[in-house]
Amino acid sequence: MAPSFAWSSLFTLCLSFTTLVTAYRPVQHCKQLGDNGHYSACTSLTQHYNQTSGQADLYVRYQWYKYQESQNGWHAFGLGNKMAGALMFIMYGNPTAPTPDMTLSVRSADGHHPPLLIHDIAKFNTPAAEGRIPEVDIITSKFEPYSGPYEHPELHLKPTHVGIADFVVHGYSKWVGTTVSNTSTAQPMIWASKYDQDFGGTTVLIAR
């Protein structure tokens, strides 16, 4: 059964980063007021070569504003230039819960369809995909109260909280879903958000 919210539009807004994602050079991209009028987030990426595994690991910090003290709203971005095959990271949660943890769900899609857990997608459970699904190590995934001066000019609201995620994508360039390079001068990425969308009791469908 499809969730009540519009997953079909999750990544209809795409952004190809023209900044460099090269070895050992940190990259940061911040955006406020995206085309949907509500996207306020910063992404920081740093690549390190892991001598033990012989692969490149991607260290990611993602921060986003949350404008309501409720479970409504989500943020997401992915490695890739379209939903099909992208390695996606979807963040949501309730900052007023007794434990203000934020869920970070690692997903992908086989087309312009609702993102699924990677192992629930048939083409990622084949011999050709074996050994080509990066391990994601979540270090931090939480909400913190926002105390800064920023006020959204369209919503006329200050953020109530900041969602913070720190995680490592081990061997990210081996991802089977799409081409992800650790030597290219540019890495396409997609992103999307909806600040007030009610999950309608369907959060189980996007649990980590």
Protein backbone atom coordinates (compact mmCIF):
# COMPACT_ATOMS: atom_id res chain seq x y z
CA MET A 1 0.00 0.00 0.00
CA ALA A 2 1.42 3.38 -0.97
CA PRO A 3 1.95 5.97 1.75
CA SER A 4 -0.46 8.86 1.95
CA PHE A 5 2.16 11.45 1.17
CA ALA A 6 3.58 12.09 -2.28
CA TRP A 7 6.73 10.02 -2.47
CA SER A 8 6.41 10.31 -6.24
CA SER A 9 7.58 13.90 -5.96
CA LEU A 10 10.37 13.21 -3.48
CA PHE A 11 13.21 13.97 -5.83
CA THR A 12 11.55 15.92 -8.60
CA LEU A 13 13.83 18.77 -7.65
CA CYS A 14 17.41 17.90 -8.47
CA LEU A 15 20.68 19.71 -7.98
CA SER A 16 23.99 18.82 -9.62
CA PHE A 17 26.78 20.12 -7.46
CA THR A 18 29.48 21.80 -9.51
CA THR A 19 31.85 21.99 -6.57
CA LEU A 20 34.59 19.39 -6.37
CA VAL A 21 34.28 16.24 -4.33
CA THR A 22 37.89 15.14 -4.52
CA ALA A 23 40.14 13.26 -2.17
CA TYR A 24 40.84 14.93 1.16
CA ARG A 25 39.17 18.21 0.21
CA PRO A 26 36.09 19.16 2.23
CA VAL A 27 33.11 20.52 0.30
CA GLN A 28 30.16 22.39 1.73
CA HIS A 29 26.92 23.38 0.07
CA CYS A 30 24.22 25.43 1.82
CA LYS A 31 20.89 26.38 0.32
CA GLN A 32 17.92 28.31 1.60
CA LEU A 33 14.63 28.85 -0.19
CA GLY A 34 14.93 26.19 -2.86
CA ASP A 35 12.46 26.00 -5.70
CA ASN A 36 9.83 24.52 -3.37
CA GLY A 37 10.26 27.52 -1.08
CA HIS A 38 11.08 25.56 2.04
CA TYR A 39 14.47 23.92 1.58
CA SER A 40 16.97 25.15 4.18
CA ALA A 41 19.94 22.86 4.68
CA CYS A 42 23.72 22.48 4.58
CA THR A 43 25.69 19.47 3.41
CA SER A 44 29.37 18.98 4.20
CA LEU A 45 31.34 16.21 2.46
CA THR A 46 34.87 15.00 3.08
CA GLN A 47 36.56 12.04 1.43
CA HIS A 48 39.21 9.93 3.10
CA TYR A 49 41.11 6.97 1.73
CA ASN A 50 40.80 3.94 4.02
CA GLN A 51 44.08 2.07 3.85
CA THR A 52 42.62 -0.94 5.65
CA SER A 53 39.82 -1.50 3.14
CA GLY A 54 41.63 0.03 0.17
CA GLN A 55 38.55 2.13 -0.60
CA ALA A 56 37.42 5.74 -0.31
CA ASP A 57 35.06 6.63 2.55
CA LEU A 58 32.73 9.61 2.40
CA TYR A 59 32.19 11.55 5.64
CA VAL A 60 28.92 13.48 5.60
CA ARG A 61 27.38 16.09 7.90
CA TYR A 62 23.87 17.23 7.04
CA GLN A 63 21.94 19.93 8.90
CA TRP A 64 18.40 21.07 8.18
CA TYR A 65 15.85 23.42 9.72
CA LYS A 66 12.61 22.13 11.15
CA TYR A 67 9.78 24.65 11.47
CA GLN A 68 7.22 22.70 13.47
CA GLU A 69 7.46 20.88 16.77
CA SER A 70 5.88 17.73 15.40
CA GLN A 71 6.70 14.64 13.38
CA ASN A 72 5.70 16.46 10.20
CA GLY A 73 8.33 17.16 7.58
CA TRP A 74 11.38 15.46 6.13
CA HIS A 75 14.62 16.16 4.30
CA ALA A 76 16.54 13.98 1.85
CA PHE A 77 19.46 13.95 -0.52
CA GLY A 78 21.15 11.35 -2.65
CA LEU A 79 24.23 10.50 -4.65
CA GLY A 80 23.16 10.37 -8.30
CA ASN A 81 21.45 12.52 -10.91
CA LYS A 82 17.96 10.98 -10.67
CA MET A 83 15.93 8.82 -8.32
CA ALA A 84 16.60 5.56 -10.17
CA GLY A 85 19.73 4.06 -8.66
CA ALA A 86 20.54 6.99 -6.36
CA LEU A 87 21.94 6.25 -2.91
CA MET A 88 19.46 8.23 -0.81
CA PHE A 89 19.52 9.45 2.77
CA ILE A 90 16.09 10.38 4.18
CA MET A 91 15.74 12.17 7.53
CA TYR A 92 12.65 12.72 9.65
CA GLY A 93 11.39 12.54 13.22
CA ASN A 94 9.71 14.29 16.14
CA PRO A 95 12.01 16.71 17.98
CA THR A 96 9.64 16.90 20.97
CA ALA A 97 9.67 13.17 21.63
CA PRO A 98 11.17 12.08 24.99
CA THR A 99 14.29 11.05 23.07
CA PRO A 100 14.70 13.57 20.22
CA ASP A 101 16.44 11.15 17.92
CA MET A 102 16.17 11.69 14.18
CA THR A 103 15.70 8.73 11.88
CA LEU A 104 18.16 8.48 9.00
CA SER A 105 16.97 5.94 6.47
CA VAL A 106 19.30 4.72 3.69
CA ARG A 107 17.30 3.95 0.56
CA SER A 108 17.20 3.77 -3.21
CA ALA A 109 14.65 3.35 -6.00
CA ASP A 110 14.36 1.46 -9.26
CA GLY A 111 12.61 4.36 -10.97
CA HIS A 112 10.49 7.37 -10.08
CA HIS A 113 8.87 5.32 -7.33
CA PRO A 114 8.73 5.50 -3.53
CA PRO A 115 12.23 4.91 -2.13
CA LEU A 116 12.71 1.51 -0.54
CA LEU A 117 15.26 -0.09 1.71
CA ILE A 118 18.06 -1.21 -0.55
CA HIS A 119 17.63 -4.91 0.11
CA ASP A 120 13.94 -4.66 -0.73
CA ILE A 121 14.79 -3.75 -4.33
CA ALA A 122 15.15 -6.83 -6.50
CA LYS A 123 18.01 -5.62 -8.71
CA PHE A 124 20.17 -5.00 -5.64
CA ASN A 125 19.80 -8.63 -4.59
CA THR A 126 21.60 -10.19 -7.53
CA PRO A 127 25.09 -11.68 -7.97
CA ALA A 128 26.08 -8.57 -9.94
CA ALA A 129 25.30 -6.36 -6.92
CA GLU A 130 27.17 -8.50 -4.40
CA GLY A 131 29.89 -6.51 -2.65
CA ARG A 132 28.78 -3.25 -4.28
CA ILE A 133 26.46 -1.88 -1.60
CA PRO A 134 28.35 0.52 0.70
CA GLU A 135 28.06 0.19 4.45
CA VAL A 136 26.71 3.32 6.13
CA ASP A 137 27.88 4.01 9.68
CA ILE A 138 25.55 6.50 11.41
CA ILE A 139 27.48 8.45 14.04
CA THR A 140 24.93 11.14 14.97
CA SER A 141 21.27 11.52 14.09
CA LYS A 142 19.38 13.92 16.35
CA PHE A 143 17.47 17.16 16.76
CA GLU A 144 18.70 20.16 18.69
CA PRO A 145 16.76 23.33 19.61
CA TYR A 146 17.43 26.24 17.27
CA SER A 147 18.49 29.53 18.87
CA GLY A 148 19.85 31.48 15.90
CA PRO A 149 18.49 34.63 14.23
CA TYR A 150 17.24 33.16 10.93
CA GLU A 151 13.56 33.59 10.06
CA HIS A 152 11.99 32.07 6.97
CA PRO A 153 10.82 35.05 4.85
CA GLU A 154 7.84 33.19 3.35
CA LEU A 155 6.69 31.20 6.37
CA HIS A 156 7.44 34.09 8.75
CA LEU A 157 8.69 31.50 11.20
CA LYS A 158 11.95 30.85 12.96
CA PRO A 159 13.09 27.23 12.96
CA THR A 160 12.23 25.39 16.15
CA HIS A 161 14.96 22.77 15.76
CA VAL A 162 17.93 21.74 13.67
CA GLY A 163 18.23 18.18 12.44
CA ILE A 164 21.85 16.99 12.54
CA ALA A 165 23.21 13.87 10.88
CA ASP A 166 26.83 12.70 10.82
CA PHE A 167 27.56 9.48 8.97
CA VAL A 168 30.21 7.66 6.96
CA VAL A 169 29.58 5.90 3.65
CA HIS A 170 32.30 3.26 3.51
CA GLY A 171 33.53 2.46 0.02
CA TYR A 172 30.96 4.79 -1.50
CA SER A 173 32.40 4.69 -5.03
CA LYS A 174 31.54 0.98 -5.35
CA TRP A 175 27.78 1.73 -5.22
CA VAL A 176 26.02 -0.45 -7.77
CA GLY A 177 22.98 1.77 -8.36
CA THR A 178 24.66 4.55 -10.34
CA THR A 179 28.10 5.91 -11.14
CA VAL A 180 29.69 7.47 -8.07
CA SER A 181 33.29 8.50 -8.59
CA ASN A 182 35.96 9.37 -6.03
CA THR A 183 38.17 10.96 -8.70
CA SER A 184 35.72 12.95 -10.85
CA THR A 185 35.75 16.74 -10.74
CA ALA A 186 31.98 16.81 -10.09
CA GLN A 187 29.46 14.49 -8.46
CA PRO A 188 25.75 14.88 -9.30
CA MET A 189 23.47 14.91 -6.26
CA ILE A 190 19.71 15.19 -5.80
CA TRP A 191 17.81 16.67 -2.90
CA ALA A 192 14.27 17.38 -1.73
CA SER A 193 12.27 18.33 1.35
CA LYS A 194 8.81 19.13 2.61
CA TYR A 195 8.66 21.03 5.85
CA ASP A 196 5.04 20.30 6.85
CA GLN A 197 4.08 16.97 5.29
CA ASP A 198 2.12 14.69 7.62
CA PHE A 199 3.28 11.12 7.38
CA GLY A 200 -0.28 10.04 8.17
CA GLY A 201 0.77 7.13 10.36
CA THR A 202 2.88 5.60 7.59
CA THR A 203 6.28 6.17 9.16
CA VAL A 204 6.72 2.42 9.43
CA LEU A 205 7.11 2.41 5.64
CA ILE A 206 10.20 4.55 5.87
CA ALA A 207 11.72 3.24 9.10
CA ARG A 208 15.46 2.67 9.15
